[in-house]
N, C-alpha and C. Protein backbone atom coordinates (compact mmCIF):
# COMPACT_ATOMS: atom_id res chain seq x y z
N MET A 1 0.81 -1.13 0.00
CA MET A 1 -0.03 0.05 0.01
C MET A 1 0.93 1.32 -0.04
N PRO A 2 0.69 2.12 -0.96
CA PRO A 2 1.53 3.50 -1.04
C PRO A 2 1.28 4.24 0.18
N LYS A 3 2.23 5.14 0.63
CA LYS A 3 2.13 5.83 1.82
C LYS A 3 2.21 7.29 1.42
N VAL A 4 1.22 8.11 1.84
CA VAL A 4 1.26 9.58 1.64
C VAL A 4 1.42 10.30 2.96
N LEU A 5 2.56 11.07 3.04
CA LEU A 5 2.76 11.91 4.20
C LEU A 5 2.32 13.21 3.98
N ILE A 6 1.57 13.73 5.07
CA ILE A 6 1.03 15.12 5.01
C ILE A 6 1.74 15.89 6.05
N LEU A 7 2.57 16.77 5.59
CA LEU A 7 3.41 17.58 6.50
C LEU A 7 2.86 18.97 6.48
N TYR A 8 2.42 19.47 7.61
CA TYR A 8 1.75 20.80 7.70
C TYR A 8 2.03 21.50 8.93
N HIS A 9 1.79 22.66 9.04
CA HIS A 9 1.70 23.55 10.30
C HIS A 9 0.40 24.05 10.65
N SER A 10 -0.07 23.78 11.79
CA SER A 10 -1.30 24.40 12.29
C SER A 10 -1.37 24.62 13.79
N GLN A 11 -1.96 25.70 14.07
CA GLN A 11 -2.22 26.10 15.62
C GLN A 11 -3.32 27.06 15.57
N GLU A 12 -3.68 27.47 16.76
CA GLU A 12 -4.70 28.46 16.99
C GLU A 12 -6.08 28.09 16.44
N HIS A 13 -6.30 28.35 15.26
CA HIS A 13 -7.64 28.21 14.68
C HIS A 13 -7.86 26.78 13.99
N GLY A 14 -6.70 26.19 13.71
CA GLY A 14 -6.76 24.83 13.03
C GLY A 14 -7.22 24.86 11.55
N ASN A 15 -7.05 26.07 10.93
CA ASN A 15 -7.50 26.01 9.48
C ASN A 15 -6.80 25.18 8.62
N THR A 16 -5.36 25.10 8.75
CA THR A 16 -4.61 24.33 7.95
C THR A 16 -4.76 22.82 8.24
N HIS A 17 -4.98 22.65 9.56
CA HIS A 17 -5.28 21.19 9.95
C HIS A 17 -6.49 20.64 9.24
N ALA A 18 -7.56 21.37 9.23
CA ALA A 18 -8.78 20.95 8.51
C ALA A 18 -8.43 20.53 7.02
N MET A 19 -7.63 21.44 6.38
CA MET A 19 -7.26 21.12 5.05
C MET A 19 -6.40 19.83 4.94
N ALA A 20 -5.48 19.56 5.99
CA ALA A 20 -4.67 18.44 5.94
C ALA A 20 -5.50 17.22 6.14
N ASP A 21 -6.51 17.29 7.02
CA ASP A 21 -7.41 16.17 7.22
C ASP A 21 -8.09 15.88 5.92
N SER A 22 -8.57 16.73 5.11
CA SER A 22 -9.28 16.51 3.83
C SER A 22 -8.31 15.88 2.85
N VAL A 23 -7.01 16.34 2.78
CA VAL A 23 -6.15 15.70 1.89
C VAL A 23 -5.91 14.23 2.28
N GLY A 24 -5.83 14.09 3.60
CA GLY A 24 -5.67 12.64 4.01
C GLY A 24 -6.83 11.78 3.77
N GLN A 25 -8.13 12.38 3.93
CA GLN A 25 -9.29 11.57 3.53
C GLN A 25 -9.24 11.15 2.09
N GLY A 26 -8.95 12.10 1.29
CA GLY A 26 -8.83 11.80 -0.21
C GLY A 26 -7.67 10.78 -0.53
N ALA A 27 -6.58 10.84 0.12
CA ALA A 27 -5.48 9.91 -0.08
C ALA A 27 -5.95 8.51 0.28
N ARG A 28 -6.74 8.40 1.56
CA ARG A 28 -7.27 7.03 2.02
C ARG A 28 -8.25 6.51 0.87
N GLU A 29 -9.14 7.37 0.50
CA GLU A 29 -10.10 6.97 -0.57
C GLU A 29 -9.40 6.51 -1.91
N GLY A 30 -8.14 7.00 -2.15
CA GLY A 30 -7.29 6.54 -3.32
C GLY A 30 -6.56 5.38 -3.05
N GLY A 31 -6.66 4.77 -1.80
CA GLY A 31 -5.97 3.53 -1.47
C GLY A 31 -4.63 3.66 -0.84
N ALA A 32 -4.37 4.80 -0.38
CA ALA A 32 -3.00 5.01 0.31
C ALA A 32 -3.09 5.00 1.97
N GLN A 33 -2.06 4.55 2.50
CA GLN A 33 -1.85 4.84 3.91
C GLN A 33 -1.45 6.26 4.13
N VAL A 34 -1.94 6.83 5.23
CA VAL A 34 -1.59 8.30 5.43
C VAL A 34 -1.07 8.50 6.69
N GLU A 35 -0.08 9.31 6.76
CA GLU A 35 0.52 9.85 8.02
C GLU A 35 0.55 11.41 8.03
N LEU A 36 -0.09 11.93 8.99
CA LEU A 36 -0.14 13.38 9.18
C LEU A 36 0.87 13.82 10.29
N VAL A 37 1.61 14.78 9.92
CA VAL A 37 2.60 15.38 10.92
C VAL A 37 2.39 16.82 11.02
N ASN A 38 2.01 17.31 12.17
CA ASN A 38 1.93 18.77 12.32
C ASN A 38 3.23 19.29 12.97
N THR A 39 3.92 20.21 12.22
CA THR A 39 5.26 20.57 12.63
C THR A 39 5.08 21.58 13.88
N ASN A 40 3.87 22.02 14.25
CA ASN A 40 3.77 22.75 15.52
C ASN A 40 3.81 21.69 16.81
N GLU A 41 3.62 20.37 16.45
CA GLU A 41 3.61 19.43 17.57
C GLU A 41 4.95 18.51 17.55
N GLN A 42 5.55 18.43 16.30
CA GLN A 42 6.84 17.65 16.32
C GLN A 42 7.61 17.94 15.05
N ARG A 43 8.85 17.53 15.22
CA ARG A 43 9.86 17.78 13.93
C ARG A 43 9.80 16.39 13.26
N LEU A 44 9.70 16.35 11.98
CA LEU A 44 9.72 15.23 11.19
C LEU A 44 11.11 14.59 11.04
N ASP A 45 11.20 13.25 11.28
CA ASP A 45 12.27 12.55 11.17
C ASP A 45 12.49 12.28 9.61
N MET A 46 13.66 12.42 9.14
CA MET A 46 13.88 12.24 7.71
C MET A 46 13.68 10.87 7.22
N GLU A 47 13.78 9.84 8.14
CA GLU A 47 13.50 8.52 7.70
C GLU A 47 12.06 8.28 7.42
N SER A 48 11.19 9.00 8.07
CA SER A 48 9.70 8.97 7.83
C SER A 48 9.44 9.59 6.47
N TYR A 49 10.25 10.75 6.14
CA TYR A 49 10.06 11.35 4.89
C TYR A 49 10.56 10.36 3.64
N ARG A 50 11.69 9.73 3.96
CA ARG A 50 12.24 8.76 2.97
C ARG A 50 11.29 7.60 2.70
N SER A 51 10.52 7.24 3.63
CA SER A 51 9.66 6.15 3.57
C SER A 51 8.38 6.50 2.85
N ALA A 52 8.00 7.68 2.78
CA ALA A 52 6.84 8.05 2.10
C ALA A 52 7.04 8.04 0.54
N ASP A 53 5.94 7.69 -0.04
CA ASP A 53 5.90 7.65 -1.64
C ASP A 53 5.45 8.95 -2.27
N ALA A 54 4.66 9.71 -1.54
CA ALA A 54 4.17 11.06 -1.96
C ALA A 54 3.94 11.85 -0.61
N VAL A 55 3.94 13.17 -0.87
CA VAL A 55 3.89 14.03 0.27
C VAL A 55 3.01 15.26 -0.08
N ALA A 56 2.23 15.78 0.84
CA ALA A 56 1.44 17.09 0.74
C ALA A 56 2.13 17.97 1.81
N PHE A 57 2.41 19.20 1.39
CA PHE A 57 2.89 20.32 2.37
C PHE A 57 1.88 21.26 2.55
N GLY A 58 1.57 21.65 3.70
CA GLY A 58 0.55 22.68 4.01
C GLY A 58 0.97 23.74 5.06
N SER A 59 0.71 24.95 4.84
CA SER A 59 1.09 26.00 5.73
C SER A 59 0.15 27.11 5.70
N PRO A 60 0.07 27.82 7.03
CA PRO A 60 -0.63 29.10 7.05
C PRO A 60 0.28 30.11 6.41
N ASP A 61 -0.36 31.22 6.09
CA ASP A 61 0.40 32.31 5.45
C ASP A 61 0.81 33.26 6.68
N TYR A 62 2.18 33.21 6.98
CA TYR A 62 2.68 33.97 7.96
C TYR A 62 3.52 35.15 7.51
N TYR A 63 2.88 36.30 7.35
CA TYR A 63 3.57 37.43 6.67
C TYR A 63 4.22 36.98 5.38
N SER A 64 3.30 36.40 4.48
CA SER A 64 3.63 36.11 3.07
C SER A 64 4.75 35.10 2.94
N TYR A 65 4.87 34.23 4.10
CA TYR A 65 5.92 33.13 4.08
C TYR A 65 5.51 31.89 4.79
N ILE A 66 6.03 30.80 4.61
CA ILE A 66 5.69 29.55 5.26
C ILE A 66 6.00 29.59 6.73
N ALA A 67 5.29 28.71 7.38
CA ALA A 67 5.58 28.58 8.92
C ALA A 67 6.99 28.03 9.10
N GLY A 68 7.52 28.43 10.34
CA GLY A 68 8.81 28.07 10.65
C GLY A 68 9.11 26.67 10.67
N GLY A 69 8.13 25.79 11.12
CA GLY A 69 8.37 24.24 11.15
C GLY A 69 8.46 23.75 9.82
N LEU A 70 7.98 24.28 8.77
CA LEU A 70 8.16 23.94 7.38
C LEU A 70 9.54 24.31 6.84
N LYS A 71 9.98 25.41 7.31
CA LYS A 71 11.33 25.94 6.94
C LYS A 71 12.39 25.03 7.64
N VAL A 72 12.18 24.64 8.84
CA VAL A 72 13.07 23.67 9.65
C VAL A 72 13.08 22.50 8.76
N PHE A 73 11.91 21.83 8.31
CA PHE A 73 11.98 20.71 7.53
C PHE A 73 12.83 20.82 6.22
N LEU A 74 12.71 21.86 5.60
CA LEU A 74 13.50 22.24 4.34
C LEU A 74 14.93 22.26 4.62
N ASP A 75 15.40 22.82 5.88
CA ASP A 75 16.71 22.79 6.17
C ASP A 75 17.17 21.35 6.42
N ASP A 76 16.38 20.65 7.19
CA ASP A 76 16.65 19.25 7.56
C ASP A 76 16.76 18.40 6.22
N TRP A 77 15.84 18.68 5.40
CA TRP A 77 15.86 17.85 3.99
C TRP A 77 17.21 18.17 3.29
N HIS A 78 17.48 19.44 3.18
CA HIS A 78 18.72 19.78 2.37
C HIS A 78 19.94 19.24 3.03
N ILE A 79 20.09 19.23 4.27
CA ILE A 79 21.22 18.70 5.00
C ILE A 79 21.34 17.10 4.66
N ALA A 80 20.22 16.42 4.83
CA ALA A 80 20.02 15.02 4.62
C ALA A 80 20.46 14.65 3.19
N LYS A 81 19.88 15.44 2.28
CA LYS A 81 20.00 15.18 0.87
C LYS A 81 21.40 15.32 0.53
N SER A 82 22.22 16.28 1.11
CA SER A 82 23.66 16.37 0.74
C SER A 82 24.47 15.13 1.21
N ALA A 83 23.90 14.48 2.23
CA ALA A 83 24.68 13.28 2.82
C ALA A 83 24.32 12.01 2.00
N ASN A 84 22.89 11.85 1.70
CA ASN A 84 22.39 10.67 1.02
C ASN A 84 21.04 11.05 0.49
N ALA A 85 20.92 11.25 -0.73
CA ALA A 85 19.76 11.63 -1.42
C ALA A 85 18.70 10.54 -1.60
N ASP A 86 19.09 9.33 -1.35
CA ASP A 86 18.11 8.14 -1.60
C ASP A 86 16.89 8.47 -0.87
N GLY A 87 15.73 8.39 -1.60
CA GLY A 87 14.36 8.48 -1.07
C GLY A 87 13.88 9.98 -0.66
N LEU A 88 14.85 10.85 -1.00
CA LEU A 88 14.58 12.28 -0.72
C LEU A 88 14.06 13.13 -1.89
N GLU A 89 14.36 12.72 -3.00
CA GLU A 89 14.08 13.40 -4.22
C GLU A 89 13.05 12.77 -5.18
N ASP A 90 12.44 13.69 -6.06
CA ASP A 90 11.53 13.13 -6.98
C ASP A 90 10.25 12.47 -6.55
N LYS A 91 9.79 12.94 -5.36
CA LYS A 91 8.56 12.40 -4.88
C LYS A 91 7.37 13.30 -5.54
N PRO A 92 6.32 12.77 -5.78
CA PRO A 92 5.05 13.48 -6.16
C PRO A 92 4.66 14.19 -4.89
N TYR A 93 4.33 15.53 -5.05
CA TYR A 93 3.98 16.33 -3.93
C TYR A 93 2.78 17.28 -4.30
N GLY A 94 2.17 17.76 -3.32
CA GLY A 94 1.08 18.73 -3.51
C GLY A 94 1.19 19.67 -2.41
N LEU A 95 0.55 20.95 -2.73
CA LEU A 95 0.55 22.05 -1.71
C LEU A 95 -0.74 22.57 -1.36
N PHE A 96 -0.82 23.04 -0.13
CA PHE A 96 -2.12 23.68 0.28
C PHE A 96 -1.66 24.65 1.37
N TYR A 97 -2.51 25.87 1.53
CA TYR A 97 -2.23 26.78 2.51
C TYR A 97 -3.49 27.56 2.87
N SER A 98 -3.49 28.15 4.10
CA SER A 98 -4.54 28.94 4.67
C SER A 98 -4.03 30.34 4.89
N HIS A 99 -4.99 31.35 4.76
CA HIS A 99 -4.52 32.68 4.95
C HIS A 99 -5.57 33.55 5.61
N GLY A 100 -5.28 34.68 5.97
CA GLY A 100 -6.33 35.54 6.67
C GLY A 100 -6.62 36.74 5.74
N GLY A 101 -6.19 36.72 4.52
CA GLY A 101 -6.68 37.71 3.66
C GLY A 101 -5.62 38.02 2.56
N GLY A 102 -4.27 37.69 2.81
CA GLY A 102 -3.24 37.99 1.98
C GLY A 102 -3.05 36.95 0.83
N GLY A 103 -2.74 35.69 1.39
CA GLY A 103 -2.54 34.65 0.52
C GLY A 103 -1.34 34.64 -0.30
N LYS A 104 -0.37 35.46 0.05
CA LYS A 104 0.86 35.64 -0.76
C LYS A 104 1.85 34.56 -0.45
N VAL A 105 1.52 33.56 0.39
CA VAL A 105 2.52 32.55 0.80
C VAL A 105 2.59 31.55 -0.42
N ARG A 106 1.71 31.64 -1.35
CA ARG A 106 1.48 30.64 -2.46
C ARG A 106 2.90 30.56 -3.27
N GLN A 107 3.40 31.87 -3.70
CA GLN A 107 4.55 31.85 -4.48
C GLN A 107 5.80 31.29 -3.86
N PRO A 108 6.10 31.70 -2.61
CA PRO A 108 7.13 31.12 -1.97
C PRO A 108 7.11 29.58 -1.74
N MET A 109 5.96 29.17 -1.47
CA MET A 109 5.69 27.75 -1.24
C MET A 109 6.03 27.04 -2.57
N GLU A 110 5.49 27.55 -3.61
CA GLU A 110 5.75 26.90 -4.99
C GLU A 110 7.21 26.93 -5.32
N GLN A 111 7.95 27.92 -4.90
CA GLN A 111 9.39 28.07 -5.21
C GLN A 111 10.12 27.11 -4.34
N LEU A 112 9.87 27.13 -3.04
CA LEU A 112 10.65 26.41 -2.04
C LEU A 112 10.47 24.80 -2.25
N PHE A 113 9.20 24.33 -2.46
CA PHE A 113 9.15 23.03 -2.56
C PHE A 113 9.19 22.37 -3.91
N ALA A 114 9.53 23.22 -4.95
CA ALA A 114 9.65 22.68 -6.31
C ALA A 114 10.99 21.72 -6.35
N ARG A 115 11.90 21.84 -5.55
CA ARG A 115 13.09 20.91 -5.39
C ARG A 115 12.74 19.56 -4.94
N ALA A 116 11.54 19.45 -4.26
CA ALA A 116 11.04 18.12 -3.49
C ALA A 116 10.83 17.07 -4.66
N GLY A 117 10.34 17.46 -5.73
CA GLY A 117 10.00 16.47 -6.67
C GLY A 117 9.06 16.92 -7.82
N ARG A 118 8.03 16.20 -8.22
CA ARG A 118 7.13 16.66 -9.27
C ARG A 118 5.77 16.95 -8.63
N LYS A 119 5.37 18.18 -8.89
CA LYS A 119 4.04 18.75 -8.31
C LYS A 119 2.86 17.99 -9.04
N VAL A 120 1.95 17.62 -8.01
CA VAL A 120 0.72 17.06 -8.44
C VAL A 120 -0.40 17.98 -8.17
N GLY A 121 -1.31 18.14 -9.14
CA GLY A 121 -2.41 19.05 -8.94
C GLY A 121 -2.22 20.48 -8.71
N GLN A 122 -3.24 21.23 -8.38
CA GLN A 122 -3.04 22.76 -8.18
C GLN A 122 -2.77 23.02 -6.65
N THR A 123 -2.18 23.98 -6.48
CA THR A 123 -1.90 24.51 -5.13
C THR A 123 -3.21 25.12 -4.63
N ILE A 124 -3.74 24.71 -3.39
CA ILE A 124 -5.02 24.98 -2.97
C ILE A 124 -4.81 25.96 -1.84
N GLY A 125 -5.59 27.04 -1.85
CA GLY A 125 -5.59 28.12 -0.84
C GLY A 125 -6.98 28.31 -0.27
N ALA A 126 -6.96 28.62 0.97
CA ALA A 126 -8.30 28.86 1.65
C ALA A 126 -8.23 30.08 2.58
N ARG A 127 -9.14 31.08 2.39
CA ARG A 127 -9.10 32.21 3.39
C ARG A 127 -9.94 31.82 4.61
N GLY A 128 -9.19 31.78 5.75
CA GLY A 128 -9.70 31.39 6.96
C GLY A 128 -10.06 29.87 6.89
N ARG A 129 -11.14 29.50 7.62
CA ARG A 129 -11.50 28.10 7.46
C ARG A 129 -11.97 27.51 6.17
N ALA A 130 -11.40 26.44 5.72
CA ALA A 130 -11.71 26.01 4.32
C ALA A 130 -13.18 25.59 4.24
N GLY A 131 -13.79 26.11 3.18
CA GLY A 131 -15.26 25.73 2.88
C GLY A 131 -15.42 24.46 2.19
N GLU A 132 -16.52 24.03 1.82
CA GLU A 132 -16.73 22.84 1.20
C GLU A 132 -15.98 22.62 -0.20
N SER A 133 -15.90 23.84 -0.85
CA SER A 133 -15.17 23.70 -2.14
C SER A 133 -13.60 23.48 -2.04
N GLU A 134 -13.13 24.09 -0.98
CA GLU A 134 -11.67 23.90 -0.68
C GLU A 134 -11.46 22.61 -0.22
N CYS A 135 -12.33 22.06 0.73
CA CYS A 135 -12.23 20.71 1.35
C CYS A 135 -12.27 19.66 0.27
N ALA A 136 -13.24 19.87 -0.71
CA ALA A 136 -13.23 18.99 -1.90
C ALA A 136 -12.09 19.02 -2.74
N ALA A 137 -11.46 20.26 -3.00
CA ALA A 137 -10.17 20.30 -3.73
C ALA A 137 -9.12 19.52 -2.98
N CYS A 138 -9.12 19.69 -1.68
CA CYS A 138 -7.98 18.97 -0.89
C CYS A 138 -8.20 17.43 -0.94
N ARG A 139 -9.41 17.01 -0.94
CA ARG A 139 -9.69 15.54 -1.10
C ARG A 139 -9.23 15.00 -2.45
N GLN A 140 -9.52 15.80 -3.44
CA GLN A 140 -9.01 15.56 -4.74
C GLN A 140 -7.53 15.50 -4.88
N LEU A 141 -6.80 16.29 -4.23
CA LEU A 141 -5.39 16.44 -4.16
C LEU A 141 -4.89 15.09 -3.61
N GLY A 142 -5.56 14.78 -2.47
CA GLY A 142 -5.15 13.42 -1.78
C GLY A 142 -5.26 12.30 -2.71
N ARG A 143 -6.34 12.19 -3.49
CA ARG A 143 -6.59 11.07 -4.37
C ARG A 143 -5.56 11.14 -5.49
N GLN A 144 -5.22 12.43 -6.01
CA GLN A 144 -4.18 12.47 -7.00
C GLN A 144 -2.89 11.99 -6.53
N LEU A 145 -2.50 12.29 -5.35
CA LEU A 145 -1.22 11.83 -4.73
C LEU A 145 -1.13 10.44 -4.59
N ALA A 146 -2.38 9.82 -4.19
CA ALA A 146 -2.39 8.35 -4.13
C ALA A 146 -2.25 7.67 -5.43
N GLU A 147 -2.93 8.19 -6.43
CA GLU A 147 -2.86 7.72 -7.73
C GLU A 147 -1.44 7.84 -8.41
N ALA A 148 -0.77 8.86 -8.08
CA ALA A 148 0.61 9.18 -8.61
C ALA A 148 1.64 8.03 -8.22
N VAL A 149 1.32 7.39 -7.12
CA VAL A 149 2.33 6.34 -6.67
C VAL A 149 1.81 4.91 -6.71
N LYS A 150 0.65 4.80 -7.43
CA LYS A 150 0.26 3.31 -7.70
C LYS A 150 0.97 2.72 -8.80
């Protein structure tokens, strides 16, 4: 069974967490095992990342940039890749974010995570709490990620 990792940051209102849950639901519907990791609660071990077949990254918009926990992941990923790139490159990945009105995090997210592999689906943004259309798009992203690794 393929494994989809959902690495995201969420706190306070849980808006990004709701989107992560929807991506996970879609990936399960697509036949994948899902692991959700909130960088607000724990740091991702690179071996967990290596074992994932596909990944979704989610962040709130913090002053037009990604959350610090995702930046820490990128730093860890770069260091690990320099030592041994096996299982760290060329993964199918998807992106999602929440924002309070700006939504400018989209561009840096797309630029920063482009090195992780090949992008699947559209980048999904939600202002505040994700509505049904954003949750449906997140479920679709999860299914696309699961399909990409079958």
